[in-house]
């Protein structure tokens, strides 16, 4: 029994999801971006797990479910391996920040999802530097830096979007971004 031909966009998304599930997502070629007009992508490098990825997470107004699953796993609690559901708006925020900065570099991820038990342990051992009701435990926060971009410029780009919380941790060398209410510290 023959199958109908796979449309090019669907084939590309399926191929990207397959690579992503295998943990090997090649950088997207310029022609692929053009064929998916309106796509939103992310490049991430995790500082603790040493994993890297580069994928399309949305096309036009639709999120790519397979990509969201890959991102949820990538941003898992690196202490316990627990996977949380990450707010897709956080990916949109990262994408927009990178656009504002005109960067194509991969965000270096320091912390994504944090299990409640991990959050409590860190809160008790880090001298109060971890919020008791952290948005990391809800999959709504991420701590990042962007190679080639001054930390203050990353902070300012995020602040300009007025899309959530922005924390500036110069001594620790990261910026906290979240999809909570607009605020900064």
N, C-alpha and C. Protein backbone atom coordinates (compact mmCIF):
# COMPACT_ATOMS: atom_id res chain seq x y z
N UNK A 1 0.86 -1.17 0.00
CA UNK A 1 0.00 0.00 0.00
C UNK A 1 0.90 1.23 0.00
N UNK A 2 0.69 2.13 -0.93
CA UNK A 2 1.53 3.32 -1.00
C UNK A 2 0.92 4.43 -0.16
N UNK A 3 1.82 5.24 0.39
CA UNK A 3 1.39 6.37 1.21
C UNK A 3 1.43 7.64 0.37
N UNK A 4 0.54 8.59 0.65
CA UNK A 4 0.58 9.85 -0.08
C UNK A 4 1.89 10.58 0.24
N UNK A 5 2.37 11.39 -0.69
CA UNK A 5 3.62 12.11 -0.44
C UNK A 5 3.47 13.05 0.76
N UNK A 6 4.56 13.18 1.51
CA UNK A 6 4.56 14.06 2.68
C UNK A 6 4.86 15.48 2.22
N UNK A 7 3.99 16.43 2.58
CA UNK A 7 4.25 17.82 2.21
C UNK A 7 5.59 18.28 2.79
N UNK A 8 6.31 19.16 2.08
CA UNK A 8 7.65 19.58 2.52
C UNK A 8 7.71 20.12 3.95
N UNK A 9 6.78 20.97 4.36
CA UNK A 9 6.82 21.53 5.71
C UNK A 9 6.64 20.43 6.74
N UNK A 10 5.67 19.57 6.52
CA UNK A 10 5.42 18.48 7.46
C UNK A 10 6.63 17.55 7.54
N UNK A 11 7.23 17.27 6.38
CA UNK A 11 8.44 16.43 6.36
C UNK A 11 9.55 17.07 7.17
N UNK A 12 9.75 18.38 7.00
CA UNK A 12 10.80 19.09 7.72
C UNK A 12 10.54 19.01 9.23
N UNK A 13 9.28 19.28 9.65
CA UNK A 13 8.96 19.25 11.07
C UNK A 13 9.15 17.85 11.65
N UNK A 14 8.72 16.83 10.90
CA UNK A 14 8.89 15.46 11.37
C UNK A 14 10.37 15.11 11.50
N UNK A 15 11.16 15.52 10.50
CA UNK A 15 12.60 15.24 10.52
C UNK A 15 13.25 15.96 11.70
N UNK A 16 12.87 17.22 11.93
CA UNK A 16 13.42 17.99 13.05
C UNK A 16 13.05 17.33 14.37
N UNK A 17 11.79 16.90 14.51
CA UNK A 17 11.36 16.26 15.75
C UNK A 17 12.10 14.94 15.96
N UNK A 18 12.33 14.19 14.89
CA UNK A 18 13.07 12.93 15.00
C UNK A 18 14.49 13.18 15.48
N UNK A 19 15.15 14.15 14.88
CA UNK A 19 16.50 14.49 15.33
C UNK A 19 16.48 14.96 16.77
N UNK A 20 15.49 15.77 17.11
CA UNK A 20 15.40 16.30 18.46
C UNK A 20 15.22 15.19 19.48
N UNK A 21 14.34 14.24 19.17
CA UNK A 21 14.12 13.13 20.08
C UNK A 21 15.38 12.31 20.29
N UNK A 22 16.21 12.28 19.28
CA UNK A 22 17.48 11.55 19.39
C UNK A 22 18.54 12.37 20.08
N UNK A 23 18.22 13.63 20.38
CA UNK A 23 19.19 14.50 21.04
C UNK A 23 20.21 15.09 20.10
N UNK A 24 19.99 14.94 18.79
CA UNK A 24 20.91 15.46 17.80
C UNK A 24 20.12 16.34 16.85
N UNK A 25 20.03 17.61 17.17
CA UNK A 25 19.27 18.53 16.32
C UNK A 25 20.26 19.40 15.58
N UNK A 26 20.42 19.15 14.28
CA UNK A 26 21.35 19.97 13.53
C UNK A 26 20.85 21.40 13.41
N UNK A 27 21.77 22.33 13.22
CA UNK A 27 21.37 23.72 12.98
C UNK A 27 20.50 23.77 11.75
N UNK A 28 19.56 24.64 11.76
CA UNK A 28 18.64 24.74 10.63
C UNK A 28 19.27 25.56 9.52
N UNK A 29 19.21 25.05 8.32
CA UNK A 29 19.77 25.74 7.17
C UNK A 29 18.91 26.93 6.80
N UNK A 30 19.50 27.90 6.15
CA UNK A 30 18.77 29.10 5.74
C UNK A 30 17.59 28.73 4.86
N UNK A 31 17.77 27.78 3.95
CA UNK A 31 16.66 27.38 3.08
C UNK A 31 15.53 26.76 3.88
N UNK A 32 15.86 26.06 4.95
CA UNK A 32 14.82 25.47 5.79
C UNK A 32 14.03 26.58 6.48
N UNK A 33 14.72 27.58 6.98
CA UNK A 33 14.02 28.71 7.59
C UNK A 33 13.09 29.37 6.58
N UNK A 34 13.58 29.58 5.38
CA UNK A 34 12.76 30.23 4.35
C UNK A 34 11.53 29.41 4.03
N UNK A 35 11.70 28.07 3.97
CA UNK A 35 10.55 27.23 3.62
C UNK A 35 9.52 27.19 4.74
N UNK A 36 9.92 27.56 5.95
CA UNK A 36 8.99 27.57 7.07
C UNK A 36 8.61 28.98 7.48
N UNK A 37 8.69 29.95 6.60
CA UNK A 37 8.41 31.34 6.96
C UNK A 37 7.56 31.47 8.21
N UNK A 38 7.95 32.35 9.10
CA UNK A 38 7.22 32.54 10.35
C UNK A 38 7.63 31.57 11.44
N UNK A 39 8.72 30.85 11.25
CA UNK A 39 9.15 29.91 12.29
C UNK A 39 9.92 30.65 13.38
N UNK A 40 9.83 30.10 14.59
CA UNK A 40 10.60 30.61 15.72
C UNK A 40 11.49 29.49 16.22
N UNK A 41 12.77 29.82 16.40
CA UNK A 41 13.72 28.80 16.80
C UNK A 41 14.49 29.23 18.03
N UNK A 42 15.15 28.26 18.63
CA UNK A 42 16.01 28.50 19.78
C UNK A 42 17.26 27.65 19.66
N UNK A 43 18.35 28.18 20.16
CA UNK A 43 19.59 27.42 20.31
C UNK A 43 19.98 27.53 21.78
N UNK A 44 20.19 26.39 22.42
CA UNK A 44 20.50 26.35 23.85
C UNK A 44 21.68 25.43 24.11
N UNK A 45 22.47 25.78 25.10
CA UNK A 45 23.57 24.94 25.57
C UNK A 45 23.47 24.91 27.09
N UNK A 46 23.32 23.74 27.67
CA UNK A 46 23.14 23.62 29.12
C UNK A 46 24.50 23.53 29.80
N UNK A 47 24.75 24.41 30.75
CA UNK A 47 26.06 24.47 31.40
C UNK A 47 26.31 23.30 32.34
N UNK A 48 25.26 22.62 32.81
CA UNK A 48 25.44 21.51 33.75
C UNK A 48 25.44 20.15 33.06
N UNK A 49 24.54 19.96 32.09
CA UNK A 49 24.45 18.65 31.43
C UNK A 49 25.34 18.56 30.19
N UNK A 50 25.82 19.71 29.72
CA UNK A 50 26.66 19.81 28.51
C UNK A 50 25.90 19.46 27.24
N UNK A 51 24.58 19.37 27.32
CA UNK A 51 23.76 19.12 26.14
C UNK A 51 23.57 20.41 25.36
N UNK A 52 23.36 20.26 24.05
CA UNK A 52 23.10 21.39 23.17
C UNK A 52 21.92 21.04 22.27
N UNK A 53 21.19 22.06 21.87
CA UNK A 53 20.15 21.84 20.87
C UNK A 53 19.89 23.12 20.09
N UNK A 54 19.34 22.93 18.93
CA UNK A 54 18.97 24.02 18.03
C UNK A 54 17.74 23.52 17.30
N UNK A 55 16.58 24.11 17.56
CA UNK A 55 15.36 23.60 16.94
C UNK A 55 14.33 24.68 16.72
N UNK A 56 13.40 24.39 15.83
CA UNK A 56 12.22 25.23 15.61
C UNK A 56 11.19 24.77 16.63
N UNK A 57 10.67 25.72 17.43
CA UNK A 57 9.68 25.34 18.44
C UNK A 57 8.27 25.80 18.06
N UNK A 58 8.18 26.69 17.05
CA UNK A 58 6.86 27.17 16.64
C UNK A 58 6.91 27.60 15.18
N UNK A 59 5.80 27.43 14.51
CA UNK A 59 5.64 27.89 13.13
C UNK A 59 4.35 28.71 13.11
N UNK A 60 4.50 29.97 12.74
CA UNK A 60 3.40 30.93 12.82
C UNK A 60 2.89 30.95 14.26
N UNK A 61 1.62 30.76 14.48
CA UNK A 61 1.08 30.83 15.84
C UNK A 61 1.00 29.47 16.53
N UNK A 62 1.50 28.43 15.87
CA UNK A 62 1.38 27.07 16.42
C UNK A 62 2.71 26.58 16.94
N UNK A 63 2.69 26.04 18.14
CA UNK A 63 3.87 25.41 18.70
C UNK A 63 4.01 24.01 18.11
N UNK A 64 5.24 23.55 17.98
CA UNK A 64 5.52 22.21 17.48
C UNK A 64 5.58 21.29 18.70
N UNK A 65 4.56 20.42 18.89
CA UNK A 65 4.49 19.61 20.10
C UNK A 65 5.76 18.79 20.38
N UNK A 66 6.34 18.19 19.35
CA UNK A 66 7.55 17.39 19.54
C UNK A 66 8.69 18.25 20.07
N UNK A 67 8.79 19.46 19.56
CA UNK A 67 9.85 20.37 20.01
C UNK A 67 9.62 20.78 21.46
N UNK A 68 8.38 21.02 21.85
CA UNK A 68 8.09 21.38 23.24
C UNK A 68 8.50 20.24 24.17
N UNK A 69 8.25 19.00 23.74
CA UNK A 69 8.67 17.84 24.55
C UNK A 69 10.19 17.78 24.70
N UNK A 70 10.89 18.04 23.61
CA UNK A 70 12.35 18.05 23.65
C UNK A 70 12.85 19.16 24.58
N UNK A 71 12.24 20.33 24.48
CA UNK A 71 12.64 21.45 25.34
C UNK A 71 12.33 21.17 26.81
N UNK A 72 11.19 20.55 27.10
CA UNK A 72 10.87 20.18 28.48
C UNK A 72 11.96 19.27 29.04
N UNK A 73 12.36 18.29 28.26
CA UNK A 73 13.40 17.36 28.71
C UNK A 73 14.75 18.06 28.85
N UNK A 74 15.08 18.89 27.90
CA UNK A 74 16.36 19.61 27.93
C UNK A 74 16.46 20.49 29.18
N UNK A 75 15.36 21.13 29.56
CA UNK A 75 15.36 22.06 30.69
C UNK A 75 14.96 21.40 32.00
N UNK A 76 15.06 20.07 32.06
CA UNK A 76 14.71 19.32 33.27
C UNK A 76 15.57 19.77 34.46
N UNK A 77 15.14 19.40 35.65
CA UNK A 77 15.90 19.66 36.87
C UNK A 77 17.21 18.86 36.74
N UNK A 78 18.31 19.58 36.61
CA UNK A 78 19.58 18.88 36.37
C UNK A 78 20.11 18.18 37.63
N UNK A 79 19.51 18.42 38.78
CA UNK A 79 19.89 17.72 40.00
C UNK A 79 19.23 16.35 40.09
N UNK A 80 17.94 16.28 39.72
CA UNK A 80 17.16 15.04 39.91
C UNK A 80 16.77 14.35 38.61
N UNK A 81 16.80 15.08 37.51
CA UNK A 81 16.33 14.52 36.25
C UNK A 81 14.84 14.67 36.05
N UNK A 82 14.13 15.21 37.03
CA UNK A 82 12.68 15.38 36.90
C UNK A 82 12.37 16.38 35.79
N UNK A 83 11.43 15.99 34.94
CA UNK A 83 11.03 16.83 33.81
C UNK A 83 9.74 17.56 34.17
N UNK A 84 9.73 18.85 33.95
CA UNK A 84 8.53 19.66 34.18
C UNK A 84 8.01 20.19 32.86
N UNK A 85 6.80 20.71 32.89
CA UNK A 85 6.21 21.32 31.70
C UNK A 85 6.62 22.79 31.68
N UNK A 86 7.37 23.19 30.67
CA UNK A 86 7.85 24.56 30.55
C UNK A 86 6.81 25.39 29.80
N UNK A 87 6.56 26.58 30.29
CA UNK A 87 5.63 27.51 29.66
C UNK A 87 6.17 27.90 28.29
N UNK A 88 5.46 27.59 27.20
CA UNK A 88 5.94 27.94 25.86
C UNK A 88 6.20 29.44 25.68
N UNK A 89 5.52 30.27 26.46
CA UNK A 89 5.77 31.71 26.37
C UNK A 89 7.21 32.06 26.78
N UNK A 90 7.83 31.20 27.59
CA UNK A 90 9.22 31.41 27.96
C UNK A 90 10.12 31.25 26.74
N UNK A 91 9.78 30.31 25.85
CA UNK A 91 10.55 30.13 24.61
C UNK A 91 10.37 31.34 23.70
N UNK A 92 9.13 31.85 23.65
CA UNK A 92 8.88 33.06 22.86
C UNK A 92 9.70 34.23 23.40
N UNK A 93 9.77 34.34 24.72
CA UNK A 93 10.54 35.41 25.33
C UNK A 93 12.02 35.29 24.97
N UNK A 94 12.58 34.11 25.08
CA UNK A 94 13.99 33.91 24.71
C UNK A 94 14.22 34.26 23.24
N UNK A 95 13.32 33.81 22.39
CA UNK A 95 13.43 34.10 20.96
C UNK A 95 13.43 35.61 20.71
N UNK A 96 12.51 36.31 21.37
CA UNK A 96 12.40 37.76 21.19
C UNK A 96 13.64 38.49 21.72
N UNK A 97 14.17 38.04 22.84
CA UNK A 97 15.37 38.66 23.40
C UNK A 97 16.53 38.52 22.42
N UNK A 98 16.67 37.35 21.86
CA UNK A 98 17.75 37.12 20.89
C UNK A 98 17.56 38.00 19.65
N UNK A 99 16.32 38.21 19.23
CA UNK A 99 16.05 39.09 18.09
C UNK A 99 16.42 40.53 18.42
N UNK A 100 16.02 41.00 19.60
CA UNK A 100 16.33 42.37 20.00
C UNK A 100 17.85 42.59 19.99
N UNK A 101 18.59 41.59 20.43
CA UNK A 101 20.05 41.70 20.51
C UNK A 101 20.73 41.43 19.17
N UNK A 102 19.99 40.90 18.20
CA UNK A 102 20.57 40.58 16.90
C UNK A 102 21.59 39.45 16.99
N UNK A 103 21.38 38.53 17.92
CA UNK A 103 22.32 37.43 18.15
C UNK A 103 21.79 36.12 17.58
N UNK A 104 22.69 35.29 17.13
CA UNK A 104 22.33 33.93 16.72
C UNK A 104 23.00 32.91 17.63
N UNK A 105 23.69 33.39 18.65
CA UNK A 105 24.38 32.50 19.58
C UNK A 105 23.38 31.68 20.39
N UNK A 106 23.84 30.55 20.90
CA UNK A 106 23.03 29.71 21.77
C UNK A 106 23.03 30.29 23.19
N UNK A 107 21.86 30.38 23.79
CA UNK A 107 21.80 30.77 25.19
C UNK A 107 22.50 29.70 26.02
N UNK A 108 23.29 30.10 26.98
CA UNK A 108 23.85 29.17 27.95
C UNK A 108 22.86 29.11 29.11
N UNK A 109 22.33 27.93 29.36
CA UNK A 109 21.32 27.73 30.39
C UNK A 109 21.99 27.31 31.69
N UNK A 110 21.73 28.05 32.74
CA UNK A 110 22.24 27.71 34.06
C UNK A 110 21.19 26.91 34.82
N UNK A 111 19.92 27.32 34.70
CA UNK A 111 18.85 26.64 35.40
C UNK A 111 17.54 26.83 34.64
N UNK A 112 16.81 25.74 34.46
CA UNK A 112 15.49 25.79 33.85
C UNK A 112 14.46 25.36 34.88
N UNK A 113 13.80 24.24 34.63
CA UNK A 113 12.84 23.71 35.58
C UNK A 113 13.57 23.28 36.85
N UNK A 114 12.90 23.49 37.98
CA UNK A 114 13.45 23.07 39.26
C UNK A 114 12.34 22.38 40.04
N UNK A 115 12.54 21.13 40.41
CA UNK A 115 11.54 20.41 41.20
C UNK A 115 11.37 21.11 42.55
N UNK A 116 10.15 21.09 43.12
CA UNK A 116 9.93 21.75 44.41
C UNK A 116 10.91 21.29 45.49
N UNK A 117 11.21 19.99 45.55
CA UNK A 117 12.15 19.49 46.56
C UNK A 117 13.55 20.06 46.34
N UNK A 118 13.97 20.17 45.08
CA UNK A 118 15.27 20.77 44.77
C UNK A 118 15.27 22.23 45.18
N UNK A 119 14.19 22.93 44.88
CA UNK A 119 14.10 24.34 45.22
C UNK A 119 14.23 24.54 46.73
N UNK A 120 13.55 23.70 47.50
CA UNK A 120 13.61 23.78 48.96
C UNK A 120 15.04 23.52 49.44
N UNK A 121 15.67 22.48 48.91
CA UNK A 121 17.04 22.16 49.31
C UNK A 121 17.98 23.32 49.00
N UNK A 122 17.87 23.90 47.82
CA UNK A 122 18.72 25.03 47.45
C UNK A 122 18.43 26.24 48.34
N UNK A 123 17.17 26.43 48.65
CA UNK A 123 16.80 27.56 49.52
C UNK A 123 17.43 27.42 50.90
N UNK A 124 17.47 26.20 51.41
CA UNK A 124 18.03 25.96 52.75
C UNK A 124 19.55 25.98 52.77
N UNK A 125 20.18 25.73 51.63
CA UNK A 125 21.65 25.65 51.60
C UNK A 125 22.33 26.84 50.94
N UNK A 126 21.57 27.75 50.37
CA UNK A 126 22.17 28.89 49.66
C UNK A 126 21.92 30.21 50.37
N UNK A 127 21.65 30.17 51.63
CA UNK A 127 21.51 31.40 52.40
C UNK A 127 20.35 32.28 51.97
N UNK A 128 19.26 31.68 51.52
CA UNK A 128 18.07 32.47 51.16
C UNK A 128 18.11 33.05 49.76
N UNK A 129 19.08 32.69 48.93
CA UNK A 129 19.18 33.24 47.58
C UNK A 129 18.21 32.62 46.59
N UNK A 130 17.35 31.72 47.07
CA UNK A 130 16.38 31.05 46.20
C UNK A 130 14.98 31.35 46.74
N UNK A 131 14.10 31.81 45.86
CA UNK A 131 12.73 32.18 46.28
C UNK A 131 11.94 30.96 46.72
N UNK A 132 11.14 31.11 47.75
CA UNK A 132 10.34 29.99 48.23
C UNK A 132 9.26 29.59 47.22
N UNK A 133 8.73 30.56 46.50
CA UNK A 133 7.71 30.27 45.48
C UNK A 133 8.29 30.59 44.11
N UNK A 134 9.42 29.98 43.81
CA UNK A 134 10.13 30.24 42.57
C UNK A 134 9.32 29.82 41.35
N UNK A 135 9.33 30.66 40.33
CA UNK A 135 8.66 30.31 39.07
C UNK A 135 9.40 29.20 38.34
N UNK A 136 10.63 28.89 38.75
CA UNK A 136 11.35 27.73 38.19
C UNK A 136 10.55 26.45 38.46
N UNK A 137 9.89 26.36 39.63
CA UNK A 137 9.14 25.15 39.98
C UNK A 137 7.85 25.02 39.17
N UNK A 138 7.44 26.09 38.50
CA UNK A 138 6.25 26.06 37.65
C UNK A 138 6.61 26.00 36.17
N UNK A 139 7.91 25.90 35.86
CA UNK A 139 8.34 25.89 34.46
C UNK A 139 8.17 27.23 33.79
N UNK A 140 8.22 28.31 34.57
CA UNK A 140 7.99 29.65 34.03
C UNK A 140 9.22 30.55 34.15
N UNK A 141 10.40 29.96 34.46
CA UNK A 141 11.61 30.77 34.65
C UNK A 141 12.84 30.03 34.12
N UNK A 142 13.82 30.83 33.75
CA UNK A 142 15.09 30.29 33.25
C UNK A 142 16.20 31.27 33.60
N UNK A 143 17.37 30.74 33.91
CA UNK A 143 18.55 31.56 34.17
C UNK A 143 19.52 31.32 33.02
N UNK A 144 19.94 32.42 32.36
CA UNK A 144 20.75 32.30 31.14
C UNK A 144 21.81 33.39 31.04
N UNK A 145 22.72 33.16 30.12
CA UNK A 145 23.62 34.20 29.61
C UNK A 145 23.74 33.94 28.11
N UNK A 146 24.29 34.90 27.38
CA UNK A 146 24.38 34.79 25.94
C UNK A 146 25.80 35.17 25.51
N UNK A 147 26.56 34.20 25.02
CA UNK A 147 27.95 34.48 24.63
C UNK A 147 28.03 35.64 23.63
N UNK A 148 29.00 36.50 23.87
CA UNK A 148 29.21 37.64 22.99
C UNK A 148 28.33 38.84 23.32
N UNK A 149 27.48 38.70 24.34
CA UNK A 149 26.58 39.78 24.74
C UNK A 149 26.85 40.09 26.20
N UNK A 150 27.11 41.36 26.49
CA UNK A 150 27.32 41.78 27.87
C UNK A 150 26.07 41.46 28.69
N UNK A 151 26.28 41.00 29.90
CA UNK A 151 25.16 40.64 30.77
C UNK A 151 24.17 41.80 30.94
N UNK A 152 24.70 43.00 31.09
CA UNK A 152 23.82 44.18 31.24
C UNK A 152 23.00 44.41 29.98
N UNK A 153 23.56 44.13 28.81
CA UNK A 153 22.81 44.28 27.56
C UNK A 153 21.71 43.23 27.46
N UNK A 154 22.00 42.02 27.92
CA UNK A 154 20.98 40.95 27.95
C UNK A 154 19.84 41.37 28.87
N UNK A 155 20.18 41.87 30.05
CA UNK A 155 19.16 42.36 30.99
C UNK A 155 18.32 43.47 30.35
N UNK A 156 19.00 44.44 29.74
CA UNK A 156 18.28 45.59 29.16
C UNK A 156 17.37 45.16 28.01
N UNK A 157 17.80 44.21 27.22
CA UNK A 157 16.95 43.71 26.12
C UNK A 157 15.70 43.06 26.68
N UNK A 158 15.86 42.25 27.72
CA UNK A 158 14.71 41.59 28.34
C UNK A 158 13.78 42.63 28.97
N UNK A 159 14.35 43.61 29.65
CA UNK A 159 13.52 44.66 30.26
C UNK A 159 12.72 45.43 29.22
N UNK A 160 13.32 45.66 28.06
CA UNK A 160 12.65 46.44 27.01
C UNK A 160 11.39 45.75 26.50
N UNK A 161 11.31 44.45 26.64
CA UNK A 161 10.15 43.70 26.15
C UNK A 161 8.97 43.76 27.12
N UNK A 162 9.23 44.06 28.36
CA UNK A 162 8.18 44.13 29.38
C UNK A 162 7.26 42.91 29.31
N UNK A 163 7.90 41.74 29.32
CA UNK A 163 7.14 40.50 29.13
C UNK A 163 7.18 39.58 30.35
N UNK A 164 7.72 40.03 31.46
CA UNK A 164 7.81 39.20 32.66
C UNK A 164 8.89 39.72 33.58
N UNK A 165 9.33 38.85 34.48
CA UNK A 165 10.35 39.24 35.45
C UNK A 165 11.74 39.12 34.88
N UNK A 166 12.61 40.04 35.32
CA UNK A 166 14.01 40.05 34.89
C UNK A 166 14.87 40.28 36.13
N UNK A 167 15.71 39.31 36.44
CA UNK A 167 16.64 39.44 37.55
C UNK A 167 18.06 39.51 37.02
N UNK A 168 18.84 40.43 37.56
CA UNK A 168 20.22 40.65 37.11
C UNK A 168 21.17 40.17 38.19
N UNK A 169 21.94 39.14 37.88
CA UNK A 169 22.87 38.53 38.82
C UNK A 169 24.28 38.63 38.26
N UNK A 170 24.84 39.84 38.33
CA UNK A 170 26.15 40.10 37.74
C UNK A 170 27.24 39.23 38.37
N UNK A 171 27.23 39.11 39.69
CA UNK A 171 28.27 38.33 40.37
C UNK A 171 28.20 36.85 39.99
N UNK A 172 26.99 36.34 39.81
CA UNK A 172 26.81 34.92 39.45
C UNK A 172 26.86 34.71 37.94
N UNK A 173 26.89 35.80 37.17
CA UNK A 173 27.03 35.78 35.71
C UNK A 173 25.83 35.16 34.99
N UNK A 174 24.62 35.61 35.37
CA UNK A 174 23.44 35.20 34.61
C UNK A 174 22.32 36.21 34.79
N UNK A 175 21.35 36.10 33.88
CA UNK A 175 20.11 36.88 33.96
C UNK A 175 18.96 35.90 34.11
N UNK A 176 18.08 36.19 35.04
CA UNK A 176 16.88 35.39 35.26
C UNK A 176 15.76 36.00 34.42
N UNK A 177 15.06 35.16 33.67
CA UNK A 177 13.89 35.60 32.89
C UNK A 177 12.71 34.72 33.29
N UNK A 178 11.54 35.34 33.41
CA UNK A 178 10.36 34.52 33.70
C UNK A 178 9.12 35.13 33.06
N UNK A 179 8.05 34.35 33.06
CA UNK A 179 6.80 34.78 32.45
C UNK A 179 5.79 35.23 33.50
N UNK A 180 6.28 35.61 34.66
CA UNK A 180 5.42 36.15 35.70
C UNK A 180 5.10 37.60 35.40
N UNK A 181 4.66 38.30 36.43
CA UNK A 181 4.31 39.71 36.26
C UNK A 181 5.57 40.52 35.93
N UNK A 182 5.39 41.65 35.29
CA UNK A 182 6.51 42.50 34.90
C UNK A 182 7.11 43.13 36.15
N UNK A 183 8.40 42.85 36.38
CA UNK A 183 9.13 43.38 37.52
C UNK A 183 10.61 43.16 37.26
N UNK A 184 11.45 43.77 38.06
CA UNK A 184 12.89 43.54 37.91
C UNK A 184 13.59 43.75 39.24
N UNK A 185 14.75 43.13 39.34
CA UNK A 185 15.58 43.23 40.53
C UNK A 185 17.03 43.06 40.16
